[in-house]
């Protein structure tokens, strides 16, 4: 057993039931390539190797790399498992996919919760998008992503795919036991279709400005646009003048971005 490092936000999943739920959610096929981020002690990795063609596991803790190399020696030797030591946020996507020949892949991740937003942006906005993402994250964050009340995070996910809250994972399913409950989140139907007629960079600029002050009405947050012009845009798009940012749907944000642009 490897002692979890608090500095790395490590909480090792130990429940076989939850692991089964992750495998089921990922809907793995015999020819699938899986990018596993945060394999820990390899409890989930073991099941992934039974279901997928190949697993590329990224681990930030050097101690765990040595542990996993011994545990899965056979799979490393036959190249069904590739272990990569590094920080997933610092590895360039282009290097990752080129060096380890990753394409048509699914992501399964159990990462420190404080990097969730950065992690999702990194892989959802890339030109090398995964087919699916199955991620363990803080329950409240999963609820926020799937809520009808929008946020910068929820829009950043929904612009690229369909998020679905799968199940709540109680704290006792981890070692050491965290203070909060977790959840399994599925992001499916991933693409950049939403941005076919919408400038991707400009869309997120407008969203960030729109959420710059949550207590204000959206119209006031967009005060860089002349008042009369903004009123005309809202009226044309049938957006209530007193609406708040969180009450605007993804499609309405897209239409608003196009009209402003």
C-alpha atoms as a PDB file:
ATOM      1  CA  UNK A   1       0.000   0.000   0.000  1.00  0.00           C
ATOM      2  CA  UNK A   2       1.172   3.497  -0.871  1.00  0.00           C
ATOM      3  CA  UNK A   3       0.416   6.258   1.637  1.00  0.00           C
ATOM      4  CA  UNK A   4      -1.660   9.003   0.010  1.00  0.00           C
ATOM      5  CA  UNK A   5      -0.046  12.428  -0.297  1.00  0.00           C
ATOM      6  CA  UNK A   6      -2.249  15.260   0.922  1.00  0.00           C
ATOM      7  CA  UNK A   7      -0.169  17.736  -1.102  1.00  0.00           C
ATOM      8  CA  UNK A   8      -1.252  15.966  -4.312  1.00  0.00           C
ATOM      9  CA  UNK A   9      -4.899  15.767  -3.269  1.00  0.00           C
ATOM     10  CA  UNK A  10      -4.760  11.969  -3.309  1.00  0.00           C
ATOM     11  CA  UNK A  11      -7.755   9.883  -2.247  1.00  0.00           C
ATOM     12  CA  UNK A  12      -7.586   6.339  -3.577  1.00  0.00           C
ATOM     13  CA  UNK A  13     -10.819   4.735  -4.756  1.00  0.00           C
ATOM     14  CA  UNK A  14     -11.351   1.343  -3.094  1.00  0.00           C
ATOM     15  CA  UNK A  15     -14.954   0.363  -3.907  1.00  0.00           C
ATOM     16  CA  UNK A  16     -15.361  -2.421  -6.488  1.00  0.00           C
ATOM     17  CA  UNK A  17     -19.000  -1.385  -6.912  1.00  0.00           C
ATOM     18  CA  UNK A  18     -18.044   2.159  -7.902  1.00  0.00           C
ATOM     19  CA  UNK A  19     -15.314   0.864 -10.207  1.00  0.00           C
ATOM     20  CA  UNK A  20     -17.942  -1.289 -11.903  1.00  0.00           C
ATOM     21  CA  UNK A  21     -20.144   1.783 -12.325  1.00  0.00           C
ATOM     22  CA  UNK A  22     -17.275   3.691 -13.965  1.00  0.00           C
ATOM     23  CA  UNK A  23     -16.605   0.820 -16.387  1.00  0.00           C
ATOM     24  CA  UNK A  24     -20.314   0.580 -17.225  1.00  0.00           C
ATOM     25  CA  UNK A  25     -20.565   4.350 -17.792  1.00  0.00           C
ATOM     26  CA  UNK A  26     -17.520   4.371 -20.080  1.00  0.00           C
ATOM     27  CA  UNK A  27     -19.186   1.698 -22.263  1.00  0.00           C
ATOM     28  CA  UNK A  28     -15.796   0.258 -23.188  1.00  0.00           C
ATOM     29  CA  UNK A  29     -15.297  -1.717 -26.379  1.00  0.00           C
ATOM     30  CA  UNK A  30     -12.558  -4.225 -27.188  1.00  0.00           C
ATOM     31  CA  UNK A  31     -10.810  -1.773 -29.557  1.00  0.00           C
ATOM     32  CA  UNK A  32     -10.990   1.276 -27.245  1.00  0.00           C
ATOM     33  CA  UNK A  33      -7.959   3.278 -26.190  1.00  0.00           C
ATOM     34  CA  UNK A  34      -8.322   4.729 -22.693  1.00  0.00           C
ATOM     35  CA  UNK A  35      -6.439   7.714 -21.322  1.00  0.00           C
ATOM     36  CA  UNK A  36      -6.557   7.163 -17.566  1.00  0.00           C
ATOM     37  CA  UNK A  37      -5.569  10.174 -15.504  1.00  0.00           C
ATOM     38  CA  UNK A  38      -4.688   9.527 -11.877  1.00  0.00           C
ATOM     39  CA  UNK A  39      -4.495   5.706 -11.757  1.00  0.00           C
ATOM     40  CA  UNK A  40      -3.404   5.725  -8.112  1.00  0.00           C
ATOM     41  CA  UNK A  41      -2.747   2.150  -7.001  1.00  0.00           C
ATOM     42  CA  UNK A  42      -4.241   0.724 -10.192  1.00  0.00           C
ATOM     43  CA  UNK A  43      -7.521  -0.664  -8.819  1.00  0.00           C
ATOM     44  CA  UNK A  44      -9.444   0.824 -11.756  1.00  0.00           C
ATOM     45  CA  UNK A  45      -6.536   0.272 -14.176  1.00  0.00           C
ATOM     46  CA  UNK A  46      -6.825  -3.471 -13.615  1.00  0.00           C
ATOM     47  CA  UNK A  47     -10.448  -3.469 -14.808  1.00  0.00           C
ATOM     48  CA  UNK A  48      -9.685  -1.150 -17.728  1.00  0.00           C
ATOM     49  CA  UNK A  49      -7.052  -3.591 -18.981  1.00  0.00           C
ATOM     50  CA  UNK A  50      -9.701  -6.332 -19.014  1.00  0.00           C
ATOM     51  CA  UNK A  51     -12.072  -4.256 -21.142  1.00  0.00           C
ATOM     52  CA  UNK A  52      -9.997  -1.991 -23.410  1.00  0.00           C
ATOM     53  CA  UNK A  53      -7.477  -2.541 -26.171  1.00  0.00           C
ATOM     54  CA  UNK A  54      -4.910  -0.191 -24.637  1.00  0.00           C
ATOM     55  CA  UNK A  55      -4.529   2.042 -21.583  1.00  0.00           C
ATOM     56  CA  UNK A  56      -2.261   5.071 -21.298  1.00  0.00           C
ATOM     57  CA  UNK A  57      -2.088   6.055 -17.618  1.00  0.00           C
ATOM     58  CA  UNK A  58      -0.755   9.460 -16.542  1.00  0.00           C
ATOM     59  CA  UNK A  59       0.467   9.674 -12.951  1.00  0.00           C
ATOM     60  CA  UNK A  60       2.038  12.640 -11.174  1.00  0.00           C
ATOM     61  CA  UNK A  61       3.383  10.659  -8.189  1.00  0.00           C
ATOM     62  CA  UNK A  62       6.736   9.029  -8.985  1.00  0.00           C
ATOM     63  CA  UNK A  63       6.260   6.482  -6.169  1.00  0.00           C
ATOM     64  CA  UNK A  64       3.139   5.155  -7.852  1.00  0.00           C
ATOM     65  CA  UNK A  65       4.847   4.742 -11.234  1.00  0.00           C
ATOM     66  CA  UNK A  66       7.274   2.218  -9.733  1.00  0.00           C
ATOM     67  CA  UNK A  67       4.439   0.476  -7.898  1.00  0.00           C
ATOM     68  CA  UNK A  68       2.314   0.228 -11.078  1.00  0.00           C
ATOM     69  CA  UNK A  69       5.251  -0.999 -13.175  1.00  0.00           C
ATOM     70  CA  UNK A  70       5.644  -3.974 -10.841  1.00  0.00           C
ATOM     71  CA  UNK A  71       1.930  -4.610 -10.463  1.00  0.00           C
ATOM     72  CA  UNK A  72       1.255  -4.587 -14.203  1.00  0.00           C
ATOM     73  CA  UNK A  73       4.624  -5.829 -15.485  1.00  0.00           C
ATOM     74  CA  UNK A  74       3.025  -8.191 -18.017  1.00  0.00           C
ATOM     75  CA  UNK A  75       0.780  -5.482 -19.485  1.00  0.00           C
ATOM     76  CA  UNK A  76       3.619  -2.967 -19.667  1.00  0.00           C
ATOM     77  CA  UNK A  77       5.814  -5.497 -21.486  1.00  0.00           C
ATOM     78  CA  UNK A  78       3.145  -6.375 -24.057  1.00  0.00           C
ATOM     79  CA  UNK A  79       2.425  -2.627 -24.475  1.00  0.00           C
ATOM     80  CA  UNK A  80      -1.229  -2.867 -23.523  1.00  0.00           C
ATOM     81  CA  UNK A  81      -0.403  -0.461 -20.682  1.00  0.00           C
ATOM     82  CA  UNK A  82       1.750   2.643 -21.043  1.00  0.00           C
ATOM     83  CA  UNK A  83       2.676   4.440 -17.825  1.00  0.00           C
ATOM     84  CA  UNK A  84       3.558   8.114 -18.106  1.00  0.00           C
ATOM     85  CA  UNK A  85       5.070  10.106 -15.254  1.00  0.00           C
ATOM     86  CA  UNK A  86       3.997  13.734 -15.362  1.00  0.00           C
ATOM     87  CA  UNK A  87       1.522  16.487 -14.577  1.00  0.00           C
ATOM     88  CA  UNK A  88      -1.426  16.173 -16.957  1.00  0.00           C
ATOM     89  CA  UNK A  89      -1.905  19.945 -17.007  1.00  0.00           C
ATOM     90  CA  UNK A  90       1.699  20.523 -18.080  1.00  0.00           C
ATOM     91  CA  UNK A  91       1.924  17.865 -20.784  1.00  0.00           C
ATOM     92  CA  UNK A  92       1.114  19.333 -24.190  1.00  0.00           C
ATOM     93  CA  UNK A  93      -1.835  17.631 -25.841  1.00  0.00           C
ATOM     94  CA  UNK A  94       0.007  17.425 -29.162  1.00  0.00           C
ATOM     95  CA  UNK A  95       2.978  15.702 -27.492  1.00  0.00           C
ATOM     96  CA  UNK A  96       0.712  13.339 -25.581  1.00  0.00           C
ATOM     97  CA  UNK A  97      -1.213  12.166 -28.624  1.00  0.00           C
ATOM     98  CA  UNK A  98       1.800  11.988 -30.926  1.00  0.00           C
ATOM     99  CA  UNK A  99       4.245  10.294 -28.537  1.00  0.00           C
ATOM    100  CA  UNK A 100       1.789   7.673 -27.322  1.00  0.00           C
ATOM    101  CA  UNK A 101      -0.209   7.278 -30.553  1.00  0.00           C
ATOM    102  CA  UNK A 102      -3.531   8.159 -28.955  1.00  0.00           C
ATOM    103  CA  UNK A 103      -6.580   8.625 -31.172  1.00  0.00           C
ATOM    104  CA  UNK A 104     -10.266   7.715 -30.946  1.00  0.00           C
ATOM    105  CA  UNK A 105      -9.892   7.561 -27.192  1.00  0.00           C
ATOM    106  CA  UNK A 106     -11.934   7.826 -24.008  1.00  0.00           C
ATOM    107  CA  UNK A 107     -10.843   9.605 -20.845  1.00  0.00           C
ATOM    108  CA  UNK A 108     -11.359   8.115 -17.402  1.00  0.00           C
ATOM    109  CA  UNK A 109     -10.095  10.354 -14.630  1.00  0.00           C
ATOM    110  CA  UNK A 110      -9.903  10.419 -10.857  1.00  0.00           C
ATOM    111  CA  UNK A 111      -7.997  13.642 -10.342  1.00  0.00           C
ATOM    112  CA  UNK A 112      -7.466  16.147  -7.513  1.00  0.00           C
ATOM    113  CA  UNK A 113     -10.691  18.131  -7.480  1.00  0.00           C
ATOM    114  CA  UNK A 114      -8.990  21.520  -7.525  1.00  0.00           C
ATOM    115  CA  UNK A 115      -7.847  20.978 -11.137  1.00  0.00           C
ATOM    116  CA  UNK A 116     -11.256  19.864 -12.488  1.00  0.00           C
ATOM    117  CA  UNK A 117     -12.014  23.073 -14.431  1.00  0.00           C
ATOM    118  CA  UNK A 118      -8.550  23.291 -16.011  1.00  0.00           C
ATOM    119  CA  UNK A 119      -8.568  19.594 -16.841  1.00  0.00           C
ATOM    120  CA  UNK A 120     -11.936  19.687 -18.614  1.00  0.00           C
ATOM    121  CA  UNK A 121     -11.009  22.807 -20.589  1.00  0.00           C
ATOM    122  CA  UNK A 122      -7.733  21.200 -21.665  1.00  0.00           C
ATOM    123  CA  UNK A 123      -9.386  18.167 -23.237  1.00  0.00           C
ATOM    124  CA  UNK A 124     -12.759  19.515 -24.343  1.00  0.00           C
ATOM    125  CA  UNK A 125     -11.329  22.507 -26.219  1.00  0.00           C
ATOM    126  CA  UNK A 126      -8.482  20.621 -27.911  1.00  0.00           C
ATOM    127  CA  UNK A 127      -8.541  19.600 -31.564  1.00  0.00           C
ATOM    128  CA  UNK A 128      -7.909  16.047 -30.294  1.00  0.00           C
ATOM    129  CA  UNK A 129     -11.152  15.652 -28.374  1.00  0.00           C
ATOM    130  CA  UNK A 130     -12.009  12.372 -26.610  1.00  0.00           C
ATOM    131  CA  UNK A 131     -15.105  10.370 -27.542  1.00  0.00           C
ATOM    132  CA  UNK A 132     -16.237  10.283 -23.921  1.00  0.00           C
ATOM    133  CA  UNK A 133     -15.101  11.581 -20.548  1.00  0.00           C
ATOM    134  CA  UNK A 134     -15.919   9.747 -17.329  1.00  0.00           C
ATOM    135  CA  UNK A 135     -14.621  11.727 -14.393  1.00  0.00           C
ATOM    136  CA  UNK A 136     -14.817  11.545 -10.621  1.00  0.00           C
ATOM    137  CA  UNK A 137     -15.327  14.985  -9.157  1.00  0.00           C
ATOM    138  CA  UNK A 138     -16.786  16.832  -6.193  1.00  0.00           C
ATOM    139  CA  UNK A 139     -20.542  16.224  -5.960  1.00  0.00           C
ATOM    140  CA  UNK A 140     -21.402  19.932  -5.862  1.00  0.00           C
ATOM    141  CA  UNK A 141     -19.308  20.599  -8.972  1.00  0.00           C
ATOM    142  CA  UNK A 142     -21.034  17.781 -10.871  1.00  0.00           C
ATOM    143  CA  UNK A 143     -24.387  19.237  -9.831  1.00  0.00           C
ATOM    144  CA  UNK A 144     -23.325  22.698 -11.006  1.00  0.00           C
ATOM    145  CA  UNK A 145     -22.190  21.365 -14.398  1.00  0.00           C
ATOM    146  CA  UNK A 146     -25.486  19.555 -15.014  1.00  0.00           C
ATOM    147  CA  UNK A 147     -27.738  22.251 -13.548  1.00  0.00           C
ATOM    148  CA  UNK A 148     -30.198  24.280 -15.638  1.00  0.00           C
ATOM    149  CA  UNK A 149     -28.820  27.317 -13.823  1.00  0.00           C
ATOM    150  CA  UNK A 150     -25.732  28.025 -15.895  1.00  0.00           C
ATOM    151  CA  UNK A 151     -22.227  29.065 -14.845  1.00  0.00           C
ATOM    152  CA  UNK A 152     -18.963  29.614 -16.696  1.00  0.00           C
ATOM    153  CA  UNK A 153     -18.011  26.011 -15.880  1.00  0.00           C
ATOM    154  CA  UNK A 154     -21.310  24.461 -17.003  1.00  0.00           C
ATOM    155  CA  UNK A 155     -21.271  26.401 -20.284  1.00  0.00           C
ATOM    156  CA  UNK A 156     -17.620  25.433 -20.812  1.00  0.00           C
ATOM    157  CA  UNK A 157     -18.691  21.785 -20.697  1.00  0.00           C
ATOM    158  CA  UNK A 158     -22.056  21.985 -22.477  1.00  0.00           C
ATOM    159  CA  UNK A 159     -20.554  23.890 -25.420  1.00  0.00           C
ATOM    160  CA  UNK A 160     -18.584  20.728 -26.265  1.00  0.00           C
ATOM    161  CA  UNK A 161     -20.694  17.810 -25.039  1.00  0.00           C
ATOM    162  CA  UNK A 162     -23.609  16.493 -23.016  1.00  0.00           C
ATOM    163  CA  UNK A 163     -22.877  16.148 -19.291  1.00  0.00           C
ATOM    164  CA  UNK A 164     -24.814  13.608 -17.247  1.00  0.00           C
ATOM    165  CA  UNK A 165     -24.741  13.081 -13.483  1.00  0.00           C
ATOM    166  CA  UNK A 166     -24.383   9.317 -13.006  1.00  0.00           C
ATOM    167  CA  UNK A 167     -24.262   8.578  -9.276  1.00  0.00           C
ATOM    168  CA  UNK A 168     -23.170  10.040  -5.970  1.00  0.00           C
ATOM    169  CA  UNK A 169     -20.059   8.423  -4.497  1.00  0.00           C
ATOM    170  CA  UNK A 170     -19.945   8.587  -0.705  1.00  0.00           C
ATOM    171  CA  UNK A 171     -16.723   9.625   1.023  1.00  0.00           C
ATOM    172  CA  UNK A 172     -16.248   6.190   2.618  1.00  0.00           C
ATOM    173  CA  UNK A 173     -15.478   4.736  -0.817  1.00  0.00           C
ATOM    174  CA  UNK A 174     -12.036   6.390  -0.694  1.00  0.00           C
ATOM    175  CA  UNK A 175      -8.884   5.949   1.326  1.00  0.00           C
ATOM    176  CA  UNK A 176      -8.105   8.222   3.075  1.00  0.00           C
ATOM    177  CA  UNK A 177     -11.713   9.313   3.452  1.00  0.00           C
ATOM    178  CA  UNK A 178     -12.281  12.888   2.199  1.00  0.00           C
ATOM    179  CA  UNK A 179     -14.603  15.338   3.943  1.00  0.00           C
ATOM    180  CA  UNK A 180     -16.934  15.607   0.944  1.00  0.00           C
ATOM    181  CA  UNK A 181     -18.957  13.284  -1.244  1.00  0.00           C
ATOM    182  CA  UNK A 182     -18.052  12.808  -4.890  1.00  0.00           C
ATOM    183  CA  UNK A 183     -19.908  11.976  -8.076  1.00  0.00           C
ATOM    184  CA  UNK A 184     -19.319  10.242 -11.388  1.00  0.00           C
ATOM    185  CA  UNK A 185     -19.925  12.563 -14.314  1.00  0.00           C
ATOM    186  CA  UNK A 186     -20.225  11.433 -17.932  1.00  0.00           C
ATOM    187  CA  UNK A 187     -19.586  13.828 -20.804  1.00  0.00           C
ATOM    188  CA  UNK A 188     -20.809  12.307 -24.056  1.00  0.00           C
ATOM    189  CA  UNK A 189     -21.399  13.370 -27.688  1.00  0.00           C
ATOM    190  CA  UNK A 190     -18.250  15.488 -27.615  1.00  0.00           C
ATOM    191  CA  UNK A 191     -17.600  17.719 -30.625  1.00  0.00           C
ATOM    192  CA  UNK A 192     -17.056  21.320 -31.725  1.00  0.00           C
ATOM    193  CA  UNK A 193     -20.303  21.477 -33.675  1.00  0.00           C
ATOM    194  CA  UNK A 194     -21.571  24.307 -31.462  1.00  0.00           C
ATOM    195  CA  UNK A 195     -18.778  26.508 -32.800  1.00  0.00           C
ATOM    196  CA  UNK A 196     -19.443  25.958 -36.513  1.00  0.00           C
ATOM    197  CA  UNK A 197     -20.946  29.449 -36.797  1.00  0.00           C
ATOM    198  CA  UNK A 198     -19.788  30.931 -33.505  1.00  0.00           C
ATOM    199  CA  UNK A 199     -16.312  32.272 -32.747  1.00  0.00           C
ATOM    200  CA  UNK A 200     -15.071  29.995 -29.952  1.00  0.00           C
ATOM    201  CA  UNK A 201     -12.685  32.465 -28.332  1.00  0.00           C
ATOM    202  CA  UNK A 202     -15.118  35.362 -28.505  1.00  0.00           C
ATOM    203  CA  UNK A 203     -17.938  33.205 -27.077  1.00  0.00           C
ATOM    204  CA  UNK A 204     -15.998  32.572 -23.864  1.00  0.00           C
ATOM    205  CA  UNK A 205     -14.965  36.219 -23.646  1.00  0.00           C
ATOM    206  CA  UNK A 206     -18.637  37.239 -23.712  1.00  0.00           C
ATOM    207  CA  UNK A 207     -19.576  34.525 -21.195  1.00  0.00           C
ATOM    208  CA  UNK A 208     -16.856  35.677 -18.774  1.00  0.00           C
ATOM    209  CA  UNK A 209     -17.995  39.286 -19.054  1.00  0.00           C
ATOM    210  CA  UNK A 210     -21.597  38.167 -18.642  1.00  0.00           C
ATOM    211  CA  UNK A 211     -20.761  36.449 -15.347  1.00  0.00           C
ATOM    212  CA  UNK A 212     -18.409  39.191 -14.099  1.00  0.00           C
ATOM    213  CA  UNK A 213     -20.947  40.225 -11.444  1.00  0.00           C
ATOM    214  CA  UNK A 214     -23.449  37.479 -10.614  1.00  0.00           C
ATOM    215  CA  UNK A 215     -25.802  39.749  -8.680  1.00  0.00           C
ATOM    216  CA  UNK A 216     -26.258  42.144 -11.570  1.00  0.00           C
ATOM    217  CA  UNK A 217     -28.574  41.644 -14.511  1.00  0.00           C
ATOM    218  CA  UNK A 218     -26.824  40.389 -17.645  1.00  0.00           C
ATOM    219  CA  UNK A 219     -27.565  43.638 -19.467  1.00  0.00           C
ATOM    220  CA  UNK A 220     -25.573  45.612 -16.879  1.00  0.00           C
ATOM    221  CA  UNK A 221     -22.607  43.243 -17.118  1.00  0.00           C
ATOM    222  CA  UNK A 222     -22.565  43.817 -20.891  1.00  0.00           C
ATOM    223  CA  UNK A 223     -22.401  47.598 -20.440  1.00  0.00           C
ATOM    224  CA  UNK A 224     -19.486  47.869 -22.889  1.00  0.00           C
ATOM    225  CA  UNK A 225     -22.153  47.705 -25.591  1.00  0.00           C
ATOM    226  CA  UNK A 226     -24.247  50.891 -26.116  1.00  0.00           C
ATOM    227  CA  UNK A 227     -27.521  50.602 -24.177  1.00  0.00           C
ATOM    228  CA  UNK A 228     -29.845  51.107 -27.177  1.00  0.00           C
ATOM    229  CA  UNK A 229     -27.936  48.585 -29.284  1.00  0.00           C
ATOM    230  CA  UNK A 230     -28.005  45.980 -26.503  1.00  0.00           C
ATOM    231  CA  UNK A 231     -31.751  46.497 -25.995  1.00  0.00           C
ATOM    232  CA  UNK A 232     -32.318  45.890 -29.704  1.00  0.00           C
ATOM    233  CA  UNK A 233     -30.257  42.681 -29.578  1.00  0.00           C
ATOM    234  CA  UNK A 234     -32.147  41.369 -26.525  1.00  0.00           C
ATOM    235  CA  UNK A 235     -35.503  42.220 -28.113  1.00  0.00           C
ATOM    236  CA  UNK A 236     -34.573  40.556 -31.402  1.00  0.00           C
ATOM    237  CA  UNK A 237     -33.441  37.379 -29.598  1.00  0.00           C
ATOM    238  CA  UNK A 238     -36.479  37.443 -27.274  1.00  0.00           C
ATOM    239  CA  UNK A 239     -34.244  37.636 -24.214  1.00  0.00           C
ATOM    240  CA  UNK A 240     -35.900  39.338 -21.197  1.00  0.00           C
ATOM    241  CA  UNK A 241     -34.198  42.651 -20.442  1.00  0.00           C
ATOM    242  CA  UNK A 242     -33.927  41.849 -16.721  1.00  0.00           C
ATOM    243  CA  UNK A 243     -32.533  38.327 -17.115  1.00  0.00           C
ATOM    244  CA  UNK A 244     -29.529  37.196 -15.098  1.00  0.00           C
ATOM    245  CA  UNK A 245     -26.563  35.418 -16.651  1.00  0.00           C
ATOM    246  CA  UNK A 246     -27.341  32.053 -15.028  1.00  0.00           C
ATOM    247  CA  UNK A 247     -30.816  31.941 -16.616  1.00  0.00           C
ATOM    248  CA  UNK A 248     -29.591  32.147 -20.213  1.00  0.00           C
ATOM    249  CA  UNK A 249     -29.311  28.780 -21.997  1.00  0.00           C
ATOM    250  CA  UNK A 250     -26.276  27.648 -23.980  1.00  0.00           C
ATOM    251  CA  UNK A 251     -28.042  28.292 -27.287  1.00  0.00           C
ATOM    252  CA  UNK A 252     -29.098  31.762 -26.150  1.00  0.00           C
ATOM    253  CA  UNK A 253     -25.490  32.532 -25.190  1.00  0.00           C
ATOM    254  CA  UNK A 254     -24.467  31.402 -28.673  1.00  0.00           C
ATOM    255  CA  UNK A 255     -27.072  33.594 -30.365  1.00  0.00           C
ATOM    256  CA  UNK A 256     -26.110  36.536 -28.174  1.00  0.00           C
ATOM    257  CA  UNK A 257     -22.420  36.107 -29.049  1.00  0.00           C
ATOM    258  CA  UNK A 258     -23.183  36.080 -32.781  1.00  0.00           C
ATOM    259  CA  UNK A 259     -25.355  39.181 -32.515  1.00  0.00           C
ATOM    260  CA  UNK A 260     -22.747  41.112 -30.515  1.00  0.00           C
ATOM    261  CA  UNK A 261     -19.893  39.958 -32.731  1.00  0.00           C
END
